[in-house]
Amino acid sequence: MKRLIITLVAASLFTSCINDSDDYIVLQDDPIIAEFLPNLSQLNLFVGDLNTLAINSNMFKYELNTQLFTDYAHKLRIIGLPEGTALEYADDGFPIFPTGTLIAKTFYYNLDETNPNSGQKIIETRVLIKEETEWTIGNYVWNEDQTDAVLDQNQYNVTVDFINESGDDVTVNYVVPGANDCTKCHSNSNNVTPIGPKLRTMNFNVDGVNQLQYFIDNGQLINAPNPSEITSLPNWEDDINYSLEERSRAYFDVNCAHCHTTGGFCEFQSTLNLAFETDFDDTNIFQRRFSISNRMATYSPGISMPFIGTTMIHTEGYDLIQEYLDSL
């Protein structure tokens, strides 16, 4: 495999800078290696101690307005682009990713949600790399010492104990997916694809600044109109600015539509089409409302929805969807 090196800085690792009184040298972060090497540390996605998850300056963080539920795990999402390239606007869906793009998502739990200094348990880092004609996918499983992660395509169960925001003790039997499970969700028409970083899902304010505008201003997104002209996916938790239907359809879009859509894993196993842009009459939500409710109300492996990535009921998500189904 050809090694792809991603850097947003000069090729030299050192840059000389002149102060009014002193000369000093600034050490630049190492370039990102967009290749599936044995250890996560070899990719240079993070700097310093790996378990601090301090992002290499050659990567940038992105967040989603409505997120995929994965047993209440937190997720750190980052993108690295080859030097001199940018994401390119196409529509409100996925941007055009340049060859050599690396997308990484790290799953972790805060040990005590009521105490921000309690530490964390990092489980896995999933990596997508854009090659010339296709995306490739790999998964890095973190060791017990939290010092590094190893490329591993097998499935694992990891028990995590943490305290939630209400102060309750919670035990999660987290499932790290195997390679076959990853490609079930991360594929469309048999082609591996990202799921989350659609422009409409990233079009909202983060720390008071529109995220897409931030990308535009930093040269990370080009040829895009003003973000006000790009659709913004509703935040399913925002019951002030969005209707019950908008919030529910957004939840379906992020959690279910990658499989329940044309070309998705469940295209021929189900009549549902849950993409946000699908006209309601074409979704079959009303016709399948009892099945949807049954599959979300309890957890049963191989039956419950979402089919992969969860081992428990998403209580808040189920309550939202059930309220919506009852309103139809």
Protein backbone atom coordinates (compact mmCIF):
# COMPACT_ATOMS: atom_id res chain seq x y z
CA MET A 1 0.00 0.00 0.00
CA LYS A 2 1.31 3.44 -0.88
CA ARG A 3 2.01 5.49 2.20
CA LEU A 4 0.07 8.76 2.35
CA ILE A 5 1.51 11.49 4.55
CA ILE A 6 -0.89 14.22 5.66
CA THR A 7 0.48 17.53 6.83
CA LEU A 8 -0.92 21.03 6.95
CA VAL A 9 2.46 22.62 7.65
CA ALA A 10 5.79 22.97 5.87
CA ALA A 11 7.63 19.78 4.99
CA SER A 12 10.39 20.56 7.48
CA LEU A 13 9.57 19.59 11.05
CA PHE A 14 11.32 22.69 12.33
CA THR A 15 10.54 26.33 11.63
CA SER A 16 12.88 29.13 12.75
CA CYS A 17 11.14 32.21 14.14
CA ILE A 18 12.67 35.53 15.13
CA ASN A 19 11.66 37.29 18.35
CA ASP A 20 12.62 40.91 19.08
CA SER A 21 15.35 39.70 21.41
CA ASP A 22 15.87 35.95 20.90
CA ASP A 23 15.97 33.27 18.25
CA TYR A 24 13.82 30.24 18.94
CA ILE A 25 12.73 27.06 17.23
CA VAL A 26 9.16 25.80 17.02
CA LEU A 27 8.71 22.04 16.75
CA GLN A 28 5.83 21.24 14.40
CA ASP A 29 3.63 18.19 14.96
CA ASP A 30 4.58 15.10 12.97
CA PRO A 31 2.69 14.55 9.70
CA ILE A 32 -0.28 12.19 9.74
CA ILE A 33 0.41 8.75 8.26
CA ALA A 34 -2.71 7.66 6.37
CA GLU A 35 -1.91 3.97 6.44
CA PHE A 36 -3.08 1.05 8.56
CA LEU A 37 0.08 0.47 10.59
CA PRO A 38 0.09 -1.99 13.52
CA ASN A 39 -0.19 0.63 16.30
CA LEU A 40 -2.36 3.73 16.48
CA SER A 41 0.58 5.78 17.77
CA GLN A 42 2.33 5.26 14.42
CA LEU A 43 -0.37 7.25 12.61
CA ASN A 44 0.44 10.44 14.58
CA LEU A 45 -3.20 11.39 15.12
CA PHE A 46 -2.46 12.54 18.67
CA VAL A 47 0.48 14.24 20.37
CA GLY A 48 2.02 13.65 23.77
CA ASP A 49 0.66 10.81 25.87
CA LEU A 50 -1.84 9.08 23.63
CA ASN A 51 -4.49 8.75 26.32
CA THR A 52 -4.85 12.52 26.64
CA LEU A 53 -6.36 12.48 23.11
CA ALA A 54 -4.59 15.75 22.35
CA ILE A 55 -5.16 16.22 18.62
CA ASN A 56 -2.24 16.64 16.24
CA SER A 57 -2.38 20.12 14.69
CA ASN A 58 -2.57 18.45 11.28
CA MET A 59 -6.01 17.11 12.21
CA PHE A 60 -9.19 19.05 12.92
CA LYS A 61 -12.16 18.15 15.07
CA TYR A 62 -15.76 18.00 13.91
CA GLU A 63 -19.01 17.47 15.80
CA LEU A 64 -22.49 16.32 14.82
CA ASN A 65 -25.75 18.09 15.65
CA THR A 66 -27.55 14.78 16.13
CA GLN A 67 -25.31 11.88 17.12
CA LEU A 68 -25.35 8.14 16.68
CA PHE A 69 -26.13 6.33 19.93
CA THR A 70 -23.50 3.81 21.03
CA ASP A 71 -24.30 2.71 24.59
CA TYR A 72 -23.77 6.26 25.92
CA ALA A 73 -20.11 6.33 24.83
CA HIS A 74 -18.52 9.68 24.06
CA LYS A 75 -16.88 10.15 20.65
CA LEU A 76 -13.99 12.28 19.49
CA ARG A 77 -14.25 12.83 15.73
CA ILE A 78 -11.29 14.16 13.73
CA ILE A 79 -10.29 14.58 10.08
CA GLY A 80 -6.87 14.86 8.47
CA LEU A 81 -6.41 16.13 4.90
CA PRO A 82 -3.34 15.94 2.65
CA GLU A 83 -1.37 19.16 2.41
CA GLY A 84 -2.84 21.66 -0.02
CA THR A 85 -6.27 19.98 -0.18
CA ALA A 86 -9.69 20.65 1.33
CA LEU A 87 -13.14 19.19 1.60
CA GLU A 88 -15.19 20.38 -1.38
CA TYR A 89 -18.86 21.31 -1.28
CA ALA A 90 -21.20 19.15 -3.35
CA ASP A 91 -24.56 19.48 -1.58
CA ASP A 92 -25.87 19.15 1.97
CA GLY A 93 -24.70 15.52 2.12
CA PHE A 94 -21.10 14.35 2.13
CA PRO A 95 -18.48 16.78 0.86
CA ILE A 96 -16.02 15.60 -1.76
CA PHE A 97 -13.14 14.08 0.21
CA PRO A 98 -9.69 14.31 -1.40
CA THR A 99 -7.66 11.14 -1.85
CA GLY A 100 -5.64 10.60 1.31
CA THR A 101 -8.30 11.88 3.70
CA LEU A 102 -8.20 10.18 7.11
CA ILE A 103 -11.26 10.19 9.37
CA ALA A 104 -10.96 8.85 12.92
CA LYS A 105 -13.54 8.36 15.65
CA THR A 106 -12.45 7.47 19.19
CA PHE A 107 -14.97 5.94 21.62
CA TYR A 108 -14.49 6.51 25.35
CA TYR A 109 -16.33 6.80 28.67
CA ASN A 110 -15.84 9.33 31.43
CA LEU A 111 -15.48 7.28 34.61
CA ASP A 112 -17.65 9.75 36.52
CA GLU A 113 -19.87 12.13 34.57
CA THR A 114 -20.40 14.20 37.74
CA ASN A 115 -16.65 14.76 38.15
CA PRO A 116 -14.79 16.00 35.05
CA ASN A 117 -11.43 15.14 36.64
CA SER A 118 -12.26 11.47 37.23
CA GLY A 119 -10.48 10.20 34.13
CA GLN A 120 -11.73 8.13 31.23
CA LYS A 121 -11.72 4.69 29.69
CA ILE A 122 -10.85 4.67 25.98
CA ILE A 123 -12.18 1.66 24.09
CA GLU A 124 -11.47 1.94 20.37
CA THR A 125 -10.49 4.25 17.52
CA ARG A 126 -12.13 3.55 14.17
CA VAL A 127 -10.28 4.83 11.10
CA LEU A 128 -11.42 5.44 7.52
CA ILE A 129 -8.86 6.24 4.81
CA LYS A 130 -9.85 7.53 1.37
CA GLU A 131 -7.81 5.88 -1.35
CA GLU A 132 -8.02 6.76 -5.04
CA THR A 133 -11.14 4.74 -5.83
CA GLU A 134 -12.46 3.58 -2.44
CA TRP A 135 -12.51 4.00 1.32
CA THR A 136 -10.73 1.45 3.53
CA ILE A 137 -11.62 0.83 7.15
CA GLY A 138 -9.71 -0.40 10.19
CA ASN A 139 -10.23 -0.53 13.93
CA TYR A 140 -7.70 0.10 16.70
CA VAL A 141 -8.45 -1.48 20.10
CA TRP A 142 -6.91 0.27 23.13
CA ASN A 143 -4.84 -1.67 25.64
CA GLU A 144 -5.63 -1.87 29.35
CA ASP A 145 -2.82 0.54 30.21
CA GLN A 146 -4.36 3.11 27.84
CA THR A 147 -0.95 3.77 26.29
CA ASP A 148 -1.69 2.69 22.71
CA ALA A 149 -4.13 0.84 20.49
CA VAL A 150 -3.55 -2.09 18.15
CA LEU A 151 -5.04 -2.66 14.72
CA ASP A 152 -7.45 -5.56 15.21
CA GLN A 153 -10.32 -6.72 13.03
CA ASN A 154 -11.83 -9.05 15.64
CA GLN A 155 -14.88 -8.47 17.82
CA TYR A 156 -14.40 -7.91 21.55
CA ASN A 157 -16.57 -7.38 24.60
CA VAL A 158 -15.29 -4.73 27.02
CA THR A 159 -16.95 -4.21 30.41
CA VAL A 160 -17.03 -0.57 31.49
CA ASP A 161 -18.23 0.72 34.87
CA PHE A 162 -18.98 4.42 35.16
CA ILE A 163 -21.15 6.92 37.00
CA ASN A 164 -23.71 8.70 34.83
CA GLU A 165 -24.85 12.32 35.01
CA SER A 166 -27.52 11.36 37.58
CA GLY A 167 -24.92 9.82 39.87
CA ASP A 168 -26.01 6.25 39.15
CA ASP A 169 -23.56 3.36 38.77
CA VAL A 170 -23.76 1.96 35.24
CA THR A 171 -22.17 -1.14 33.76
CA VAL A 172 -21.87 -1.40 29.98
CA ASN A 173 -20.85 -4.56 28.15
CA TYR A 174 -19.50 -2.60 25.22
CA VAL A 175 -19.02 -4.50 21.96
CA VAL A 176 -16.07 -3.55 19.78
CA PRO A 177 -17.28 -4.51 16.30
CA GLY A 178 -15.38 -6.87 14.06
CA ALA A 179 -14.45 -5.95 10.51
CA ASN A 180 -17.57 -7.57 9.04
CA ASP A 181 -19.82 -5.61 11.38
CA CYS A 182 -18.14 -2.31 10.50
CA THR A 183 -18.74 -2.79 6.79
CA LYS A 184 -22.42 -3.59 7.32
CA CYS A 185 -23.09 -0.03 8.45
CA HIS A 186 -20.23 1.73 6.67
CA SER A 187 -21.21 0.69 3.16
CA ASN A 188 -23.63 1.61 0.46
CA SER A 189 -24.09 -0.41 -2.71
CA ASN A 190 -21.10 -2.53 -1.54
CA ASN A 191 -18.83 0.50 -1.30
CA VAL A 192 -17.34 1.50 2.07
CA THR A 193 -18.44 5.00 3.07
CA PRO A 194 -18.43 7.36 6.07
CA ILE A 195 -21.69 7.85 7.96
CA GLY A 196 -21.58 11.01 10.05
CA PRO A 197 -19.76 13.92 8.36
CA LYS A 198 -22.50 15.19 6.08
CA LEU A 199 -22.58 18.96 5.80
CA ARG A 200 -26.17 19.17 7.06
CA THR A 201 -25.17 17.20 10.18
CA MET A 202 -22.22 19.54 10.85
CA ASN A 203 -24.12 22.76 10.11
CA PHE A 204 -24.68 24.20 13.59
CA ASN A 205 -22.93 26.39 16.14
CA VAL A 206 -20.07 24.97 18.16
CA ASP A 207 -18.83 27.26 20.95
CA GLY A 208 -20.85 30.09 19.44
CA VAL A 209 -19.43 29.76 15.91
CA ASN A 210 -21.04 28.02 12.95
CA GLN A 211 -18.93 24.91 12.39
CA LEU A 212 -19.13 24.97 8.58
CA GLN A 213 -18.20 28.66 8.53
CA TYR A 214 -15.22 27.81 10.73
CA PHE A 215 -14.13 25.16 8.23
CA ILE A 216 -14.56 27.63 5.36
CA ASP A 217 -12.58 30.34 7.14
CA ASN A 218 -9.75 27.88 7.83
CA GLY A 219 -9.57 26.64 4.24
CA GLN A 220 -10.81 23.16 5.20
CA LEU A 221 -14.01 23.46 3.13
CA ILE A 222 -14.07 25.14 -0.30
CA ASN A 223 -16.66 26.16 -2.90
CA ALA A 224 -19.40 26.18 -0.28
CA PRO A 225 -22.19 28.76 -0.11
CA ASN A 226 -23.03 30.59 3.09
CA PRO A 227 -24.00 27.98 5.70
CA SER A 228 -27.42 29.62 5.91
CA GLU A 229 -28.05 28.22 2.42
CA ILE A 230 -27.16 24.66 3.48
CA THR A 231 -29.72 22.43 5.18
CA SER A 232 -29.17 21.89 8.89
CA LEU A 233 -30.21 18.56 10.37
CA PRO A 234 -32.34 19.13 13.50
CA ASN A 235 -30.92 18.30 16.91
CA TRP A 236 -33.23 15.57 18.22
CA GLU A 237 -32.83 16.87 21.78
CA ASP A 238 -33.93 20.42 20.88
CA ASP A 239 -37.67 20.54 21.54
CA ILE A 240 -37.73 24.34 21.46
CA ASN A 241 -36.74 24.99 17.86
CA TYR A 242 -37.86 21.77 16.17
CA SER A 243 -41.08 19.81 15.95
CA LEU A 244 -41.54 16.26 17.19
CA GLU A 245 -41.51 15.01 13.61
CA GLU A 246 -38.33 16.90 12.68
CA ARG A 247 -36.49 15.62 15.75
CA SER A 248 -37.66 12.04 15.21
CA ARG A 249 -36.77 12.03 11.53
CA ALA A 250 -33.32 13.41 12.39
CA TYR A 251 -32.83 10.64 14.96
CA PHE A 252 -33.84 8.04 12.37
CA ASP A 253 -31.50 9.61 9.81
CA VAL A 254 -28.37 9.39 11.99
CA ASN A 255 -29.08 6.14 13.83
CA CYS A 256 -30.86 4.07 11.20
CA ALA A 257 -30.72 5.49 7.67
CA HIS A 258 -27.21 4.27 6.80
CA CYS A 259 -28.77 0.78 6.68
CA HIS A 260 -32.40 1.65 5.94
CA THR A 261 -31.87 3.45 2.65
CA THR A 262 -31.30 2.71 -1.01
CA GLY A 263 -28.07 0.72 -1.23
CA GLY A 264 -27.92 0.18 2.53
CA PHE A 265 -27.46 -3.12 4.37
CA CYS A 266 -31.20 -3.45 5.05
CA GLU A 267 -32.41 -2.28 1.64
CA PHE A 268 -33.86 -5.69 0.76
CA GLN A 269 -34.54 -6.85 4.33
CA SER A 270 -36.90 -4.03 5.21
CA THR A 271 -39.36 -1.72 3.51
CA LEU A 272 -38.22 1.24 5.60
CA ASN A 273 -36.36 4.17 4.04
CA LEU A 274 -35.35 6.43 6.92
CA ALA A 275 -33.18 9.08 5.26
CA PHE A 276 -34.20 12.55 6.41
CA GLU A 277 -34.88 13.77 2.89
CA THR A 278 -37.26 10.89 2.09
CA ASP A 279 -40.88 11.99 1.77
CA PHE A 280 -42.87 10.62 4.70
CA ASP A 281 -45.20 8.64 2.44
CA ASP A 282 -42.16 6.82 1.04
CA THR A 283 -40.58 6.00 4.42
CA ASN A 284 -43.14 3.34 5.46
CA ILE A 285 -42.76 4.55 9.04
CA PHE A 286 -46.51 4.50 9.58
CA GLN A 287 -46.91 1.02 8.12
CA ARG A 288 -44.01 -0.34 10.22
CA ARG A 289 -44.68 1.68 13.39
CA PHE A 290 -45.43 -1.36 15.57
CA SER A 291 -42.32 -3.20 14.38
CA ILE A 292 -40.18 -0.11 15.02
CA SER A 293 -41.58 0.19 18.53
CA ASN A 294 -41.04 -3.49 19.33
CA ARG A 295 -37.46 -3.50 18.09
CA MET A 296 -36.54 -0.38 20.08
CA ALA A 297 -38.43 -1.12 23.31
CA THR A 298 -36.28 -4.03 24.50
CA TYR A 299 -32.77 -5.26 23.86
CA SER A 300 -32.47 -8.62 22.15
CA PRO A 301 -29.34 -9.39 20.06
CA GLY A 302 -30.14 -9.86 16.39
CA ILE A 303 -33.59 -8.33 16.76
CA SER A 304 -33.27 -4.96 18.45
CA MET A 305 -32.54 -1.80 16.51
CA PRO A 306 -30.02 -0.35 15.97
CA PHE A 307 -28.83 -3.77 14.85
CA ILE A 308 -25.12 -3.15 15.54
CA GLY A 309 -23.27 -0.97 18.03
CA THR A 310 -25.60 -1.15 21.01
CA THR A 311 -26.18 -3.58 23.88
CA MET A 312 -28.90 -1.62 25.67
CA ILE A 313 -31.98 0.49 25.13
CA HIS A 314 -31.44 4.15 24.38
CA THR A 315 -34.15 5.29 26.76
CA GLU A 316 -34.24 8.91 25.65
CA GLY A 317 -34.22 7.98 21.97
CA TYR A 318 -36.92 5.36 22.41
CA ASP A 319 -39.13 7.80 24.32
CA LEU A 320 -38.81 10.31 21.48
CA ILE A 321 -39.59 7.80 18.74
CA GLN A 322 -42.48 6.23 20.66
CA GLU A 323 -44.05 9.64 21.21
CA TYR A 324 -43.70 10.30 17.50
CA LEU A 325 -45.18 6.93 16.49
CA ASP A 326 -48.11 7.47 18.86
CA SER A 327 -48.79 10.81 17.18
CA LEU A 328 -49.18 9.32 13.68
